[in-house]
Amino acid sequence: LGNDQTIRVTDSISIQITD
C-alpha cells in the first residue's frame, strides 16, 4: 500500500487528519 506516499504529496492536510 504505497498510496499513502502519493496522498501525502497531493494532500498533506488529509494525511495529517488520517495519521
Protein backbone atom coordinates (compact mmCIF):
# COMPACT_ATOMS: atom_id res chain seq x y z
CA LEU A 1 0.00 0.00 0.00
CA GLY A 2 2.17 2.84 -1.26
CA ASN A 3 -0.80 5.11 -1.83
CA ASP A 4 -0.13 6.97 1.40
CA GLN A 5 3.05 8.44 -0.08
CA THR A 6 1.17 9.74 -3.13
CA ILE A 7 -1.60 11.18 -0.99
CA ARG A 8 0.97 12.89 1.20
CA VAL A 9 2.35 14.83 -1.75
CA THR A 10 -1.13 15.61 -3.09
CA ASP A 11 -2.82 16.49 0.20
CA SER A 12 -0.60 16.84 3.24
CA ILE A 13 -3.56 18.06 5.28
CA SER A 14 -5.55 14.91 4.50
CA ILE A 15 -2.69 12.73 5.76
CA GLN A 16 -2.38 14.75 8.95
CA ILE A 17 -6.06 14.12 9.74
CA THR A 18 -5.71 10.42 8.91
CA ASP A 19 -2.44 9.93 10.73
